[in-house]
Amino acid sequence: MHVLALEVEIHIPEARSLKDRRQVVRPLIDGARRRFGVSAAEIGGQDTWQRAGLGFAVVASTAHGAIEVLDAVERFIWSHPELEVLSAERTWLE
């Protein structure tokens, strides 16, 4: 069993309220869950308008399978022009 986590810090330059921020963050989390079957949650920056921390995790039978899924999730996040990715960090969990 292989467990890989991805932590992504994003900046949402057009957000002027928490509602604007939610309109960007919610589709990212729900879309990743639905499309890639990963666990996903907002893990930081809940009180800020223009920043958010997102966490994703996958359990796979092979390390290569886990990497492929999180590669796809990362491409999905990067494909949204309304946000800027500030950092993305992967961690293998035991």
C-alpha atoms as a PDB file:
ATOM      1  CA  MET A   1       0.000   0.000   0.000  1.00  0.00           C
ATOM      2  CA  HIS A   2       1.314   3.432  -0.978  1.00  0.00           C
ATOM      3  CA  VAL A   3      -0.051   6.709   0.381  1.00  0.00           C
ATOM      4  CA  LEU A   4       0.955  10.025  -1.165  1.00  0.00           C
ATOM      5  CA  ALA A   5      -0.181  13.471  -0.045  1.00  0.00           C
ATOM      6  CA  LEU A   6      -0.053  16.763  -1.943  1.00  0.00           C
ATOM      7  CA  GLU A   7      -0.214  20.146  -0.250  1.00  0.00           C
ATOM      8  CA  VAL A   8      -0.887  23.115  -2.531  1.00  0.00           C
ATOM      9  CA  GLU A   9      -0.798  26.784  -1.559  1.00  0.00           C
ATOM     10  CA  ILE A  10      -2.778  29.019  -3.936  1.00  0.00           C
ATOM     11  CA  HIS A  11      -3.319  32.747  -4.422  1.00  0.00           C
ATOM     12  CA  ILE A  12      -6.629  34.025  -5.792  1.00  0.00           C
ATOM     13  CA  PRO A  13      -5.884  37.580  -6.953  1.00  0.00           C
ATOM     14  CA  GLU A  14      -9.466  38.475  -7.944  1.00  0.00           C
ATOM     15  CA  ALA A  15     -11.053  37.448  -4.620  1.00  0.00           C
ATOM     16  CA  ARG A  16     -12.468  40.435  -2.758  1.00  0.00           C
ATOM     17  CA  SER A  17     -14.369  38.477  -0.104  1.00  0.00           C
ATOM     18  CA  LEU A  18     -14.534  35.048   1.491  1.00  0.00           C
ATOM     19  CA  LYS A  19     -17.464  34.303  -0.838  1.00  0.00           C
ATOM     20  CA  ASP A  20     -15.301  35.032  -3.913  1.00  0.00           C
ATOM     21  CA  ARG A  21     -12.623  32.776  -2.486  1.00  0.00           C
ATOM     22  CA  ARG A  22     -15.096  29.953  -1.818  1.00  0.00           C
ATOM     23  CA  GLN A  23     -16.309  30.148  -5.434  1.00  0.00           C
ATOM     24  CA  VAL A  24     -12.800  29.177  -6.550  1.00  0.00           C
ATOM     25  CA  VAL A  25     -11.810  26.748  -3.780  1.00  0.00           C
ATOM     26  CA  ARG A  26     -15.003  24.655  -3.611  1.00  0.00           C
ATOM     27  CA  PRO A  27     -14.948  23.563  -7.302  1.00  0.00           C
ATOM     28  CA  LEU A  28     -11.264  22.613  -6.976  1.00  0.00           C
ATOM     29  CA  ILE A  29     -11.893  20.354  -3.994  1.00  0.00           C
ATOM     30  CA  ASP A  30     -15.108  18.833  -5.328  1.00  0.00           C
ATOM     31  CA  GLY A  31     -13.691  18.431  -8.847  1.00  0.00           C
ATOM     32  CA  ALA A  32     -10.568  16.639  -7.614  1.00  0.00           C
ATOM     33  CA  ARG A  33     -12.637  14.276  -5.480  1.00  0.00           C
ATOM     34  CA  ARG A  34     -15.016  13.470  -8.308  1.00  0.00           C
ATOM     35  CA  ARG A  35     -12.527  13.230 -11.195  1.00  0.00           C
ATOM     36  CA  PHE A  36      -9.586  11.531  -9.498  1.00  0.00           C
ATOM     37  CA  GLY A  37     -11.041   9.730  -6.465  1.00  0.00           C
ATOM     38  CA  VAL A  38      -8.720  11.455  -4.014  1.00  0.00           C
ATOM     39  CA  SER A  39      -9.350  12.715  -0.524  1.00  0.00           C
ATOM     40  CA  ALA A  40      -9.341  16.501  -0.592  1.00  0.00           C
ATOM     41  CA  ALA A  41      -9.764  19.278   1.955  1.00  0.00           C
ATOM     42  CA  GLU A  42      -9.040  22.907   2.562  1.00  0.00           C
ATOM     43  CA  ILE A  43      -6.215  22.841   5.073  1.00  0.00           C
ATOM     44  CA  GLY A  44      -5.161  26.444   5.527  1.00  0.00           C
ATOM     45  CA  GLY A  45      -5.912  30.090   5.031  1.00  0.00           C
ATOM     46  CA  GLN A  46      -9.620  29.821   5.793  1.00  0.00           C
ATOM     47  CA  ASP A  47      -9.703  33.377   7.137  1.00  0.00           C
ATOM     48  CA  THR A  48      -7.907  35.054   4.248  1.00  0.00           C
ATOM     49  CA  TRP A  49      -9.571  36.288   1.059  1.00  0.00           C
ATOM     50  CA  GLN A  50      -6.844  35.621  -1.455  1.00  0.00           C
ATOM     51  CA  ARG A  51      -4.937  32.599  -0.144  1.00  0.00           C
ATOM     52  CA  ALA A  52      -5.846  28.998   0.492  1.00  0.00           C
ATOM     53  CA  GLY A  53      -4.100  25.796   1.416  1.00  0.00           C
ATOM     54  CA  LEU A  54      -5.441  22.636  -0.190  1.00  0.00           C
ATOM     55  CA  GLY A  55      -4.589  19.055   0.719  1.00  0.00           C
ATOM     56  CA  PHE A  56      -5.031  15.951  -1.418  1.00  0.00           C
ATOM     57  CA  ALA A  57      -4.225  12.324  -0.618  1.00  0.00           C
ATOM     58  CA  VAL A  58      -4.344   9.073  -2.561  1.00  0.00           C
ATOM     59  CA  VAL A  59      -3.934   5.438  -1.598  1.00  0.00           C
ATOM     60  CA  ALA A  60      -2.733   3.137  -4.378  1.00  0.00           C
ATOM     61  CA  SER A  61      -1.401  -0.372  -4.769  1.00  0.00           C
ATOM     62  CA  THR A  62       1.772   0.906  -6.480  1.00  0.00           C
ATOM     63  CA  ALA A  63       3.931   3.976  -5.977  1.00  0.00           C
ATOM     64  CA  HIS A  64       3.695   4.716  -9.696  1.00  0.00           C
ATOM     65  CA  GLY A  65      -0.109   4.679  -9.505  1.00  0.00           C
ATOM     66  CA  ALA A  66      -0.124   7.167  -6.621  1.00  0.00           C
ATOM     67  CA  ILE A  67       2.272   9.476  -8.467  1.00  0.00           C
ATOM     68  CA  GLU A  68       0.150   9.365 -11.627  1.00  0.00           C
ATOM     69  CA  VAL A  69      -3.015  10.325  -9.749  1.00  0.00           C
ATOM     70  CA  LEU A  70      -1.405  13.273  -7.977  1.00  0.00           C
ATOM     71  CA  ASP A  71       0.244  14.380 -11.227  1.00  0.00           C
ATOM     72  CA  ALA A  72      -3.258  14.576 -12.701  1.00  0.00           C
ATOM     73  CA  VAL A  73      -4.564  16.477  -9.663  1.00  0.00           C
ATOM     74  CA  GLU A  74      -1.708  18.953  -9.904  1.00  0.00           C
ATOM     75  CA  ARG A  75      -2.363  19.512 -13.626  1.00  0.00           C
ATOM     76  CA  PHE A  76      -6.041  20.049 -12.769  1.00  0.00           C
ATOM     77  CA  ILE A  77      -5.131  22.749 -10.217  1.00  0.00           C
ATOM     78  CA  TRP A  78      -2.668  24.446 -12.587  1.00  0.00           C
ATOM     79  CA  SER A  79      -5.309  24.513 -15.363  1.00  0.00           C
ATOM     80  CA  HIS A  80      -7.404  27.112 -13.538  1.00  0.00           C
ATOM     81  CA  PRO A  81      -6.413  30.582 -14.793  1.00  0.00           C
ATOM     82  CA  GLU A  82      -8.205  32.383 -11.954  1.00  0.00           C
ATOM     83  CA  LEU A  83      -5.567  31.308  -9.437  1.00  0.00           C
ATOM     84  CA  GLU A  84      -1.809  31.221  -8.984  1.00  0.00           C
ATOM     85  CA  VAL A  85      -0.062  28.209  -7.498  1.00  0.00           C
ATOM     86  CA  LEU A  86       2.433  29.437  -4.907  1.00  0.00           C
ATOM     87  CA  SER A  87       3.760  26.043  -3.834  1.00  0.00           C
ATOM     88  CA  ALA A  88       3.088  22.338  -4.209  1.00  0.00           C
ATOM     89  CA  GLU A  89       4.722  19.782  -1.952  1.00  0.00           C
ATOM     90  CA  ARG A  90       4.356  15.999  -1.954  1.00  0.00           C
ATOM     91  CA  THR A  91       4.871  13.743   1.028  1.00  0.00           C
ATOM     92  CA  TRP A  92       4.916   9.957   1.217  1.00  0.00           C
ATOM     93  CA  LEU A  93       3.004   8.741   4.275  1.00  0.00           C
ATOM     94  CA  GLU A  94       3.735   5.551   6.169  1.00  0.00           C
END
